[in-house]
PDB file of all heavy atoms in Angstrom:
ATOM      1  N   PRO A   1     -10.933  -1.766  -6.838  1.00  0.00           N
ATOM      2  CA  PRO A   1     -10.199  -2.346  -7.976  1.00  0.00           C
ATOM      3  C   PRO A   1      -8.965  -1.546  -8.380  1.00  0.00           C
ATOM      4  O   PRO A   1      -8.160  -2.026  -9.167  1.00  0.00           O
ATOM      5  CB  PRO A   1     -11.242  -2.324  -9.115  1.00  0.00           C
ATOM      6  CG  PRO A   1     -12.557  -2.186  -8.442  1.00  0.00           C
ATOM      7  CD  PRO A   1     -12.307  -1.385  -7.208  1.00  0.00           C
ATOM      8  N   SER A   2      -8.823  -0.338  -7.856  1.00  0.00           N
ATOM      9  CA  SER A   2      -7.670   0.497  -8.191  1.00  0.00           C
ATOM     10  C   SER A   2      -7.211   1.267  -6.964  1.00  0.00           C
ATOM     11  O   SER A   2      -8.021   1.646  -6.117  1.00  0.00           O
ATOM     12  CB  SER A   2      -8.042   1.491  -9.307  1.00  0.00           C
ATOM     13  OG  SER A   2      -6.987   2.412  -9.546  1.00  0.00           O
ATOM     14  N   LEU A   3      -5.910   1.472  -6.864  1.00  0.00           N
ATOM     15  CA  LEU A   3      -5.373   2.442  -5.913  1.00  0.00           C
ATOM     16  C   LEU A   3      -5.541   3.827  -6.526  1.00  0.00           C
ATOM     17  O   LEU A   3      -5.786   3.971  -7.717  1.00  0.00           O
ATOM     18  CB  LEU A   3      -3.900   2.158  -5.643  1.00  0.00           C
ATOM     19  CG  LEU A   3      -3.558   0.778  -5.067  1.00  0.00           C
ATOM     20  CD1 LEU A   3      -2.044   0.601  -4.972  1.00  0.00           C
ATOM     21  CD2 LEU A   3      -4.208   0.556  -3.713  1.00  0.00           C
ATOM     22  N   HIS A   4      -5.387   4.883  -5.703  1.00  0.00           N
ATOM     23  CA  HIS A   4      -5.453   6.228  -6.261  1.00  0.00           C
ATOM     24  C   HIS A   4      -4.131   6.952  -6.042  1.00  0.00           C
ATOM     25  O   HIS A   4      -3.179   6.395  -5.474  1.00  0.00           O
ATOM     26  CB  HIS A   4      -6.654   7.013  -5.717  1.00  0.00           C
ATOM     27  CG  HIS A   4      -6.661   7.189  -4.219  1.00  0.00           C
ATOM     28  ND1 HIS A   4      -5.763   7.979  -3.543  1.00  0.00           N
ATOM     29  CD2 HIS A   4      -7.482   6.678  -3.276  1.00  0.00           C
ATOM     30  CE1 HIS A   4      -6.025   7.970  -2.260  1.00  0.00           C
ATOM     31  NE2 HIS A   4      -7.057   7.173  -2.063  1.00  0.00           N
ATOM     32  N   VAL A   5      -4.072   8.187  -6.494  1.00  0.00           N
ATOM     33  CA  VAL A   5      -2.814   8.935  -6.481  1.00  0.00           C
ATOM     34  C   VAL A   5      -2.244   9.082  -5.068  1.00  0.00           C
ATOM     35  O   VAL A   5      -1.035   9.238  -4.902  1.00  0.00           O
ATOM     36  CB  VAL A   5      -3.015  10.316  -7.156  1.00  0.00           C
ATOM     37  CG1 VAL A   5      -1.883  11.271  -6.846  1.00  0.00           C
ATOM     38  CG2 VAL A   5      -3.126  10.143  -8.667  1.00  0.00           C
ATOM     39  N   GLY A   6      -3.098   8.990  -4.061  1.00  0.00           N
ATOM     40  CA  GLY A   6      -2.610   9.043  -2.690  1.00  0.00           C
ATOM     41  C   GLY A   6      -1.649   7.918  -2.342  1.00  0.00           C
ATOM     42  O   GLY A   6      -0.901   8.012  -1.366  1.00  0.00           O
ATOM     43  N   SER A   7      -1.649   6.843  -3.139  1.00  0.00           N
ATOM     44  CA  SER A   7      -0.714   5.723  -2.925  1.00  0.00           C
ATOM     45  C   SER A   7       0.562   5.854  -3.744  1.00  0.00           C
ATOM     46  O   SER A   7       1.455   5.006  -3.640  1.00  0.00           O
ATOM     47  CB  SER A   7      -1.398   4.386  -3.289  1.00  0.00           C
ATOM     48  OG  SER A   7      -2.508   4.139  -2.478  1.00  0.00           O
ATOM     49  N   MET A   8       0.660   6.901  -4.550  1.00  0.00           N
ATOM     50  CA  MET A   8       1.787   7.007  -5.473  1.00  0.00           C
ATOM     51  C   MET A   8       3.134   7.140  -4.775  1.00  0.00           C
ATOM     52  O   MET A   8       4.138   6.625  -5.267  1.00  0.00           O
ATOM     53  CB  MET A   8       1.582   8.188  -6.432  1.00  0.00           C
ATOM     54  CG  MET A   8       0.795   7.842  -7.688  1.00  0.00           C
ATOM     55  SD  MET A   8       1.607   6.576  -8.681  1.00  0.00           S
ATOM     56  CE  MET A   8       3.184   7.357  -8.989  1.00  0.00           C
ATOM     57  N   VAL A   9       3.182   7.839  -3.659  1.00  0.00           N
ATOM     58  CA  VAL A   9       4.463   7.969  -2.947  1.00  0.00           C
ATOM     59  C   VAL A   9       4.972   6.602  -2.537  1.00  0.00           C
ATOM     60  O   VAL A   9       6.161   6.287  -2.677  1.00  0.00           O
ATOM     61  CB  VAL A   9       4.324   8.889  -1.715  1.00  0.00           C
ATOM     62  CG1 VAL A   9       5.586   8.829  -0.862  1.00  0.00           C
ATOM     63  CG2 VAL A   9       4.086  10.324  -2.147  1.00  0.00           C
ATOM     64  N   GLN A  10       4.070   5.749  -2.054  1.00  0.00           N
ATOM     65  CA  GLN A  10       4.485   4.418  -1.608  1.00  0.00           C
ATOM     66  C   GLN A  10       4.925   3.560  -2.798  1.00  0.00           C
ATOM     67  O   GLN A  10       5.908   2.808  -2.706  1.00  0.00           O
ATOM     68  CB  GLN A  10       3.329   3.733  -0.865  1.00  0.00           C
ATOM     69  CG  GLN A  10       2.638   4.588   0.181  1.00  0.00           C
ATOM     70  CD  GLN A  10       3.585   5.293   1.127  1.00  0.00           C
ATOM     71  OE1 GLN A  10       4.630   4.757   1.488  1.00  0.00           O
ATOM     72  NE2 GLN A  10       3.247   6.499   1.528  1.00  0.00           N
ATOM     73  N   ILE A  11       4.204   3.666  -3.904  1.00  0.00           N
ATOM     74  CA  ILE A  11       4.591   2.918  -5.103  1.00  0.00           C
ATOM     75  C   ILE A  11       5.964   3.370  -5.595  1.00  0.00           C
ATOM     76  O   ILE A  11       6.823   2.549  -5.949  1.00  0.00           O
ATOM     77  CB  ILE A  11       3.525   3.089  -6.209  1.00  0.00           C
ATOM     78  CG1 ILE A  11       2.204   2.453  -5.769  1.00  0.00           C
ATOM     79  CG2 ILE A  11       3.997   2.456  -7.523  1.00  0.00           C
ATOM     80  CD1 ILE A  11       1.044   2.731  -6.702  1.00  0.00           C
ATOM     81  N   MET A  12       6.189   4.671  -5.600  1.00  0.00           N
ATOM     82  CA  MET A  12       7.485   5.194  -6.049  1.00  0.00           C
ATOM     83  C   MET A  12       8.602   4.814  -5.082  1.00  0.00           C
ATOM     84  O   MET A  12       9.754   4.627  -5.497  1.00  0.00           O
ATOM     85  CB  MET A  12       7.417   6.711  -6.214  1.00  0.00           C
ATOM     86  CG  MET A  12       6.547   7.188  -7.373  1.00  0.00           C
ATOM     87  SD  MET A  12       7.067   6.572  -8.998  1.00  0.00           S
ATOM     88  CE  MET A  12       8.650   7.419  -9.201  1.00  0.00           C
ATOM     89  N   MET A  13       8.290   4.675  -3.796  1.00  0.00           N
ATOM     90  CA  MET A  13       9.303   4.216  -2.830  1.00  0.00           C
ATOM     91  C   MET A  13       9.778   2.816  -3.186  1.00  0.00           C
ATOM     92  O   MET A  13      10.981   2.516  -3.128  1.00  0.00           O
ATOM     93  CB  MET A  13       8.712   4.223  -1.425  1.00  0.00           C
ATOM     94  CG  MET A  13       8.561   5.602  -0.830  1.00  0.00           C
ATOM     95  SD  MET A  13       9.965   6.041   0.193  1.00  0.00           S
ATOM     96  CE  MET A  13       9.568   5.155   1.678  1.00  0.00           C
ATOM     97  N   LEU A  14       8.846   1.944  -3.549  1.00  0.00           N
ATOM     98  CA  LEU A  14       9.227   0.593  -3.966  1.00  0.00           C
ATOM     99  C   LEU A  14      10.047   0.638  -5.250  1.00  0.00           C
ATOM    100  O   LEU A  14      10.999  -0.136  -5.425  1.00  0.00           O
ATOM    101  CB  LEU A  14       7.982  -0.270  -4.155  1.00  0.00           C
ATOM    102  CG  LEU A  14       7.219  -0.637  -2.880  1.00  0.00           C
ATOM    103  CD1 LEU A  14       5.906  -1.340  -3.211  1.00  0.00           C
ATOM    104  CD2 LEU A  14       8.069  -1.515  -1.956  1.00  0.00           C
ATOM    105  N   ARG A  15       9.698   1.548  -6.143  1.00  0.00           N
ATOM    106  CA  ARG A  15      10.464   1.712  -7.387  1.00  0.00           C
ATOM    107  C   ARG A  15      11.884   2.173  -7.072  1.00  0.00           C
ATOM    108  O   ARG A  15      12.854   1.668  -7.648  1.00  0.00           O
ATOM    109  CB  ARG A  15       9.755   2.719  -8.297  1.00  0.00           C
ATOM    110  CG  ARG A  15      10.439   2.936  -9.649  1.00  0.00           C
ATOM    111  CD  ARG A  15       9.595   3.871 -10.514  1.00  0.00           C
ATOM    112  NE  ARG A  15      10.242   4.207 -11.772  1.00  0.00           N
ATOM    113  CZ  ARG A  15      10.186   3.475 -12.873  1.00  0.00           C
ATOM    114  NH1 ARG A  15       9.520   2.339 -12.869  1.00  0.00           N
ATOM    115  NH2 ARG A  15      10.789   3.868 -13.978  1.00  0.00           N
ATOM    116  N   ARG A  16      12.030   3.137  -6.165  1.00  0.00           N
ATOM    117  CA  ARG A  16      13.364   3.614  -5.773  1.00  0.00           C
ATOM    118  C   ARG A  16      14.172   2.484  -5.124  1.00  0.00           C
ATOM    119  O   ARG A  16      15.389   2.377  -5.329  1.00  0.00           O
ATOM    120  CB  ARG A  16      13.264   4.786  -4.795  1.00  0.00           C
ATOM    121  CG  ARG A  16      12.474   5.986  -5.287  1.00  0.00           C
ATOM    122  CD  ARG A  16      13.079   6.631  -6.499  1.00  0.00           C
ATOM    123  NE  ARG A  16      12.293   7.789  -6.903  1.00  0.00           N
ATOM    124  CZ  ARG A  16      12.093   8.159  -8.157  1.00  0.00           C
ATOM    125  NH1 ARG A  16      12.613   7.464  -9.157  1.00  0.00           N
ATOM    126  NH2 ARG A  16      11.371   9.240  -8.436  1.00  0.00           N
ATOM    127  N   LEU A  17      13.498   1.674  -4.332  1.00  0.00           N
ATOM    128  CA  LEU A  17      14.163   0.533  -3.682  1.00  0.00           C
ATOM    129  C   LEU A  17      14.764  -0.385  -4.737  1.00  0.00           C
ATOM    130  O   LEU A  17      15.935  -0.797  -4.639  1.00  0.00           O
ATOM    131  CB  LEU A  17      13.150  -0.218  -2.821  1.00  0.00           C
ATOM    132  CG  LEU A  17      13.676  -1.360  -1.952  1.00  0.00           C
ATOM    133  CD1 LEU A  17      14.447  -0.824  -0.760  1.00  0.00           C
ATOM    134  CD2 LEU A  17      12.522  -2.241  -1.463  1.00  0.00           C
ATOM    135  N   GLN A  18      13.992  -0.694  -5.770  1.00  0.00           N
ATOM    136  CA  GLN A  18      14.480  -1.576  -6.830  1.00  0.00           C
ATOM    137  C   GLN A  18      15.560  -0.886  -7.668  1.00  0.00           C
ATOM    138  O   GLN A  18      16.563  -1.511  -8.039  1.00  0.00           O
ATOM    139  CB  GLN A  18      13.328  -2.022  -7.721  1.00  0.00           C
ATOM    140  CG  GLN A  18      13.729  -3.102  -8.725  1.00  0.00           C
ATOM    141  CD  GLN A  18      12.522  -3.743  -9.388  1.00  0.00           C
ATOM    142  OE1 GLN A  18      11.648  -3.054  -9.918  1.00  0.00           O
ATOM    143  NE2 GLN A  18      12.453  -5.071  -9.355  1.00  0.00           N
ATOM    144  N   GLN A  19      15.402   0.381  -7.957  1.00  0.00           N
ATOM    145  CA  GLN A  19      16.405   1.118  -8.726  1.00  0.00           C
ATOM    146  C   GLN A  19      17.755   1.155  -8.011  1.00  0.00           C
ATOM    147  O   GLN A  19      18.801   1.206  -8.658  1.00  0.00           O
ATOM    148  CB  GLN A  19      15.918   2.545  -8.995  1.00  0.00           C
ATOM    149  CG  GLN A  19      14.786   2.634 -10.009  1.00  0.00           C
ATOM    150  CD  GLN A  19      14.210   4.041 -10.119  1.00  0.00           C
ATOM    151  OE1 GLN A  19      14.295   4.834  -9.177  1.00  0.00           O
ATOM    152  NE2 GLN A  19      13.620   4.362 -11.260  1.00  0.00           N
ATOM    153  N   ALA A  20      17.727   1.102  -6.679  1.00  0.00           N
ATOM    154  CA  ALA A  20      18.960   1.133  -5.889  1.00  0.00           C
ATOM    155  C   ALA A  20      19.548  -0.266  -5.687  1.00  0.00           C
ATOM    156  O   ALA A  20      20.523  -0.430  -4.937  1.00  0.00           O
ATOM    157  CB  ALA A  20      18.704   1.792  -4.535  1.00  0.00           C
ATOM    158  N   GLY A  21      18.970  -1.274  -6.338  1.00  0.00           N
ATOM    159  CA  GLY A  21      19.539  -2.620  -6.275  1.00  0.00           C
ATOM    160  C   GLY A  21      18.991  -3.495  -5.165  1.00  0.00           C
ATOM    161  O   GLY A  21      19.628  -4.486  -4.781  1.00  0.00           O
ATOM    162  N   HIS A  22      17.811  -3.178  -4.662  1.00  0.00           N
ATOM    163  CA  HIS A  22      17.207  -3.965  -3.588  1.00  0.00           C
ATOM    164  C   HIS A  22      15.913  -4.618  -4.063  1.00  0.00           C
ATOM    165  O   HIS A  22      15.501  -4.432  -5.202  1.00  0.00           O
ATOM    166  CB  HIS A  22      16.989  -3.082  -2.359  1.00  0.00           C
ATOM    167  CG  HIS A  22      18.255  -2.452  -1.859  1.00  0.00           C
ATOM    168  ND1 HIS A  22      19.206  -3.155  -1.154  1.00  0.00           N
ATOM    169  CD2 HIS A  22      18.746  -1.188  -2.018  1.00  0.00           C
ATOM    170  CE1 HIS A  22      20.226  -2.354  -0.872  1.00  0.00           C
ATOM    171  NE2 HIS A  22      19.973  -1.155  -1.389  1.00  0.00           N
ATOM    172  N   LYS A  23      15.288  -5.386  -3.183  1.00  0.00           N
ATOM    173  CA  LYS A  23      14.140  -6.210  -3.581  1.00  0.00           C
ATOM    174  C   LYS A  23      12.824  -5.661  -3.019  1.00  0.00           C
ATOM    175  O   LYS A  23      12.609  -5.681  -1.804  1.00  0.00           O
ATOM    176  CB  LYS A  23      14.328  -7.649  -3.096  1.00  0.00           C
ATOM    177  CG  LYS A  23      13.263  -8.625  -3.610  1.00  0.00           C
ATOM    178  CD  LYS A  23      13.546 -10.032  -3.151  1.00  0.00           C
ATOM    179  CE  LYS A  23      12.566 -11.031  -3.768  1.00  0.00           C
ATOM    180  NZ  LYS A  23      12.765 -11.162  -5.236  1.00  0.00           N
ATOM    181  N   PRO A  24      11.914  -5.198  -3.892  1.00  0.00           N
ATOM    182  CA  PRO A  24      10.624  -4.714  -3.416  1.00  0.00           C
ATOM    183  C   PRO A  24       9.619  -5.855  -3.233  1.00  0.00           C
ATOM    184  O   PRO A  24       9.499  -6.736  -4.087  1.00  0.00           O
ATOM    185  CB  PRO A  24      10.160  -3.760  -4.521  1.00  0.00           C
ATOM    186  CG  PRO A  24      11.030  -4.007  -5.698  1.00  0.00           C
ATOM    187  CD  PRO A  24      12.091  -4.978  -5.334  1.00  0.00           C
ATOM    188  N   ILE A  25       8.923  -5.815  -2.117  1.00  0.00           N
ATOM    189  CA  ILE A  25       7.844  -6.763  -1.843  1.00  0.00           C
ATOM    190  C   ILE A  25       6.545  -5.966  -1.740  1.00  0.00           C
ATOM    191  O   ILE A  25       6.408  -5.096  -0.868  1.00  0.00           O
ATOM    192  CB  ILE A  25       8.090  -7.537  -0.537  1.00  0.00           C
ATOM    193  CG1 ILE A  25       9.395  -8.332  -0.612  1.00  0.00           C
ATOM    194  CG2 ILE A  25       6.919  -8.470  -0.232  1.00  0.00           C
ATOM    195  CD1 ILE A  25       9.812  -8.964   0.719  1.00  0.00           C
ATOM    196  N   VAL A  26       5.622  -6.237  -2.644  1.00  0.00           N
ATOM    197  CA  VAL A  26       4.304  -5.605  -2.597  1.00  0.00           C
ATOM    198  C   VAL A  26       3.404  -6.520  -1.774  1.00  0.00           C
ATOM    199  O   VAL A  26       3.066  -7.622  -2.202  1.00  0.00           O
ATOM    200  CB  VAL A  26       3.716  -5.419  -4.013  1.00  0.00           C
ATOM    201  CG1 VAL A  26       2.360  -4.714  -3.925  1.00  0.00           C
ATOM    202  CG2 VAL A  26       4.676  -4.647  -4.905  1.00  0.00           C
ATOM    203  N   LEU A  27       3.047  -6.080  -0.589  1.00  0.00           N
ATOM    204  CA  LEU A  27       2.193  -6.902   0.267  1.00  0.00           C
ATOM    205  C   LEU A  27       0.739  -6.477   0.085  1.00  0.00           C
ATOM    206  O   LEU A  27       0.352  -5.368   0.464  1.00  0.00           O
ATOM    207  CB  LEU A  27       2.591  -6.759   1.737  1.00  0.00           C
ATOM    208  CG  LEU A  27       1.713  -7.572   2.705  1.00  0.00           C
ATOM    209  CD1 LEU A  27       1.906  -9.064   2.483  1.00  0.00           C
ATOM    210  CD2 LEU A  27       2.007  -7.199   4.150  1.00  0.00           C
ATOM    211  N   MET A  28      -0.040  -7.343  -0.512  1.00  0.00           N
ATOM    212  CA  MET A  28      -1.466  -7.077  -0.662  1.00  0.00           C
ATOM    213  C   MET A  28      -2.218  -7.620   0.552  1.00  0.00           C
ATOM    214  O   MET A  28      -1.984  -8.761   0.975  1.00  0.00           O
ATOM    215  CB  MET A  28      -2.005  -7.709  -1.939  1.00  0.00           C
ATOM    216  CG  MET A  28      -1.439  -7.109  -3.218  1.00  0.00           C
ATOM    217  SD  MET A  28      -1.583  -5.296  -3.319  1.00  0.00           S
ATOM    218  CE  MET A  28      -3.355  -5.066  -3.112  1.00  0.00           C
ATOM    219  N   GLY A  29      -3.088  -6.793   1.088  1.00  0.00           N
ATOM    220  CA  GLY A  29      -3.791  -7.164   2.316  1.00  0.00           C
ATOM    221  C   GLY A  29      -5.041  -7.977   2.071  1.00  0.00           C
ATOM    222  O   GLY A  29      -6.142  -7.559   2.459  1.00  0.00           O
ATOM    223  N   GLY A  30      -4.883  -9.140   1.446  1.00  0.00           N
ATOM    224  CA  GLY A  30      -6.039 -10.003   1.249  1.00  0.00           C
ATOM    225  C   GLY A  30      -6.654 -10.439   2.563  1.00  0.00           C
ATOM    226  O   GLY A  30      -7.868 -10.655   2.654  1.00  0.00           O
ATOM    227  N   GLY A  31      -5.806 -10.556   3.599  1.00  0.00           N
ATOM    228  CA  GLY A  31      -6.298 -10.924   4.926  1.00  0.00           C
ATOM    229  C   GLY A  31      -6.766  -9.712   5.716  1.00  0.00           C
ATOM    230  O   GLY A  31      -7.875  -9.704   6.261  1.00  0.00           O
ATOM    231  N   THR A  32      -5.938  -8.663   5.780  1.00  0.00           N
ATOM    232  CA  THR A  32      -6.292  -7.488   6.577  1.00  0.00           C
ATOM    233  C   THR A  32      -7.446  -6.689   5.979  1.00  0.00           C
ATOM    234  O   THR A  32      -8.147  -5.979   6.698  1.00  0.00           O
ATOM    235  CB  THR A  32      -5.066  -6.572   6.765  1.00  0.00           C
ATOM    236  OG1 THR A  32      -4.339  -6.473   5.533  1.00  0.00           O
ATOM    237  CG2 THR A  32      -4.151  -7.106   7.843  1.00  0.00           C
ATOM    238  N   THR A  33      -7.657  -6.791   4.663  1.00  0.00           N
ATOM    239  CA  THR A  33      -8.806  -6.109   4.060  1.00  0.00           C
ATOM    240  C   THR A  33     -10.109  -6.679   4.617  1.00  0.00           C
ATOM    241  O   THR A  33     -11.130  -5.989   4.656  1.00  0.00           O
ATOM    242  CB  THR A  33      -8.779  -6.247   2.523  1.00  0.00           C
ATOM    243  OG1 THR A  33      -7.572  -5.642   2.025  1.00  0.00           O
ATOM    244  CG2 THR A  33      -9.954  -5.549   1.872  1.00  0.00           C
ATOM    245  N   LYS A  34     -10.078  -7.933   5.044  1.00  0.00           N
ATOM    246  CA  LYS A  34     -11.272  -8.542   5.649  1.00  0.00           C
ATOM    247  C   LYS A  34     -11.562  -7.956   7.027  1.00  0.00           C
ATOM    248  O   LYS A  34     -12.652  -8.140   7.573  1.00  0.00           O
ATOM    249  CB  LYS A  34     -11.082 -10.053   5.765  1.00  0.00           C
ATOM    250  CG  LYS A  34     -10.925 -10.758   4.422  1.00  0.00           C
ATOM    251  CD  LYS A  34     -10.544 -12.216   4.604  1.00  0.00           C
ATOM    252  CE  LYS A  34     -10.263 -12.881   3.253  1.00  0.00           C
ATOM    253  NZ  LYS A  34      -9.787 -14.264   3.390  1.00  0.00           N
ATOM    254  N   VAL A  35     -10.550  -7.243   7.580  1.00  0.00           N
ATOM    255  CA  VAL A  35     -10.697  -6.632   8.897  1.00  0.00           C
ATOM    256  C   VAL A  35     -10.999  -5.139   8.757  1.00  0.00           C
ATOM    257  O   VAL A  35     -11.946  -4.620   9.330  1.00  0.00           O
ATOM    258  CB  VAL A  35      -9.417  -6.843   9.735  1.00  0.00           C
ATOM    259  CG1 VAL A  35      -9.506  -6.105  11.063  1.00  0.00           C
ATOM    260  CG2 VAL A  35      -9.190  -8.330   9.955  1.00  0.00           C
ATOM    261  N   GLY A  36     -10.162  -4.440   7.990  1.00  0.00           N
ATOM    262  CA  GLY A  36     -10.359  -3.008   7.778  1.00  0.00           C
ATOM    263  C   GLY A  36      -9.450  -2.177   8.655  1.00  0.00           C
ATOM    264  O   GLY A  36      -9.480  -2.276   9.878  1.00  0.00           O
ATOM    265  N   ASP A  37      -8.606  -1.360   8.025  1.00  0.00           N
ATOM    266  CA  ASP A  37      -7.688  -0.476   8.736  1.00  0.00           C
ATOM    267  C   ASP A  37      -8.468   0.725   9.274  1.00  0.00           C
ATOM    268  O   ASP A  37      -9.052   1.487   8.504  1.00  0.00           O
ATOM    269  CB  ASP A  37      -6.595   0.003   7.778  1.00  0.00           C
ATOM    270  CG  ASP A  37      -5.553   0.877   8.461  1.00  0.00           C
ATOM    271  OD1 ASP A  37      -5.668   1.103   9.680  1.00  0.00           O
ATOM    272  OD2 ASP A  37      -4.627   1.332   7.766  1.00  0.00           O
ATOM    273  N   PRO A  38      -8.479   0.934  10.600  1.00  0.00           N
ATOM    274  CA  PRO A  38      -9.212   2.076  11.154  1.00  0.00           C
ATOM    275  C   PRO A  38      -8.477   3.400  11.020  1.00  0.00           C
ATOM    276  O   PRO A  38      -9.040   4.448  11.335  1.00  0.00           O
ATOM    277  CB  PRO A  38      -9.375   1.694  12.634  1.00  0.00           C
ATOM    278  CG  PRO A  38      -8.174   0.847  12.927  1.00  0.00           C
ATOM    279  CD  PRO A  38      -7.888   0.086  11.648  1.00  0.00           C
ATOM    280  N   SER A  39      -7.222   3.394  10.551  1.00  0.00           N
ATOM    281  CA  SER A  39      -6.421   4.617  10.472  1.00  0.00           C
ATOM    282  C   SER A  39      -7.107   5.649   9.588  1.00  0.00           C
ATOM    283  O   SER A  39      -7.430   5.381   8.431  1.00  0.00           O
ATOM    284  CB  SER A  39      -5.023   4.311   9.899  1.00  0.00           C
ATOM    285  OG  SER A  39      -4.334   3.410  10.719  1.00  0.00           O
ATOM    286  N   GLY A  40      -7.323   6.840  10.139  1.00  0.00           N
ATOM    287  CA  GLY A  40      -7.900   7.932   9.373  1.00  0.00           C
ATOM    288  C   GLY A  40      -9.357   7.745   9.010  1.00  0.00           C
ATOM    289  O   GLY A  40      -9.890   8.480   8.173  1.00  0.00           O
ATOM    290  N   LYS A  41     -10.041   6.790   9.621  1.00  0.00           N
ATOM    291  CA  LYS A  41     -11.436   6.524   9.283  1.00  0.00           C
ATOM    292  C   LYS A  41     -12.344   6.898  10.453  1.00  0.00           C
ATOM    293  O   LYS A  41     -12.027   6.652  11.616  1.00  0.00           O
ATOM    294  CB  LYS A  41     -11.649   5.039   8.938  1.00  0.00           C
ATOM    295  CG  LYS A  41     -10.787   4.548   7.770  1.00  0.00           C
ATOM    296  CD  LYS A  41     -11.124   5.263   6.487  1.00  0.00           C
ATOM    297  CE  LYS A  41     -10.195   4.838   5.356  1.00  0.00           C
ATOM    298  NZ  LYS A  41     -10.362   5.653   4.156  1.00  0.00           N
ATOM    299  N   ASP A  42     -13.489   7.514  10.125  1.00  0.00           N
ATOM    300  CA  ASP A  42     -14.460   7.882  11.141  1.00  0.00           C
ATOM    301  C   ASP A  42     -15.481   6.781  11.387  1.00  0.00           C
ATOM    302  O   ASP A  42     -16.231   6.815  12.347  1.00  0.00           O
ATOM    303  CB  ASP A  42     -15.212   9.153  10.721  1.00  0.00           C
ATOM    304  CG  ASP A  42     -14.305  10.378  10.748  1.00  0.00           C
ATOM    305  OD1 ASP A  42     -13.291  10.334  11.462  1.00  0.00           O
ATOM    306  OD2 ASP A  42     -14.625  11.363  10.059  1.00  0.00           O
ATOM    307  N   GLU A  43     -15.520   5.806  10.490  1.00  0.00           N
ATOM    308  CA  GLU A  43     -16.495   4.734  10.630  1.00  0.00           C
ATOM    309  C   GLU A  43     -15.939   3.449  10.039  1.00  0.00           C
ATOM    310  O   GLU A  43     -14.932   3.463   9.326  1.00  0.00           O
ATOM    311  CB  GLU A  43     -17.803   5.103   9.926  1.00  0.00           C
ATOM    312  CG  GLU A  43     -17.629   5.412   8.455  1.00  0.00           C
ATOM    313  CD  GLU A  43     -18.914   5.915   7.810  1.00  0.00           C
ATOM    314  OE1 GLU A  43     -19.775   6.447   8.510  1.00  0.00           O
ATOM    315  OE2 GLU A  43     -19.021   5.764   6.571  1.00  0.00           O
ATOM    316  N   SER A  44     -16.594   2.351  10.349  1.00  0.00           N
ATOM    317  CA  SER A  44     -16.127   1.051   9.874  1.00  0.00           C
ATOM    318  C   SER A  44     -16.285   0.941   8.356  1.00  0.00           C
ATOM    319  O   SER A  44     -17.232   1.469   7.773  1.00  0.00           O
ATOM    320  CB  SER A  44     -16.937  -0.068  10.544  1.00  0.00           C
ATOM    321  OG  SER A  44     -16.800  -0.017  11.941  1.00  0.00           O
ATOM    322  N   ARG A  45     -15.337   0.254   7.719  1.00  0.00           N
ATOM    323  CA  ARG A  45     -15.436   0.015   6.280  1.00  0.00           C
ATOM    324  C   ARG A  45     -16.407  -1.125   6.001  1.00  0.00           C
ATOM    325  O   ARG A  45     -16.605  -2.011   6.823  1.00  0.00           O
ATOM    326  CB  ARG A  45     -14.065  -0.360   5.711  1.00  0.00           C
ATOM    327  CG  ARG A  45     -13.012   0.713   5.853  1.00  0.00           C
ATOM    328  CD  ARG A  45     -11.786   0.340   5.061  1.00  0.00           C
ATOM    329  NE  ARG A  45     -10.672   1.242   5.323  1.00  0.00           N
ATOM    330  CZ  ARG A  45      -9.617   1.366   4.533  1.00  0.00           C
ATOM    331  NH1 ARG A  45      -9.536   0.648   3.447  1.00  0.00           N
ATOM    332  NH2 ARG A  45      -8.638   2.187   4.828  1.00  0.00           N
TER     333      ARG A  45
END
C-alpha cells in the first residue's frame, strides 16, 4: 500500500522533470505486479 524511502530518488526525478518544464508519467505496474520483478530478489514474490 506504500512505497518506501528507497523509491524517493525516482519520485524526486519525476519532480525535477516537471520543475524543468516537462511531463512526468507515473507508470503503475498493475499488470507487471501480477508477474513480479525478479530484479534483486532471491525468491518469487
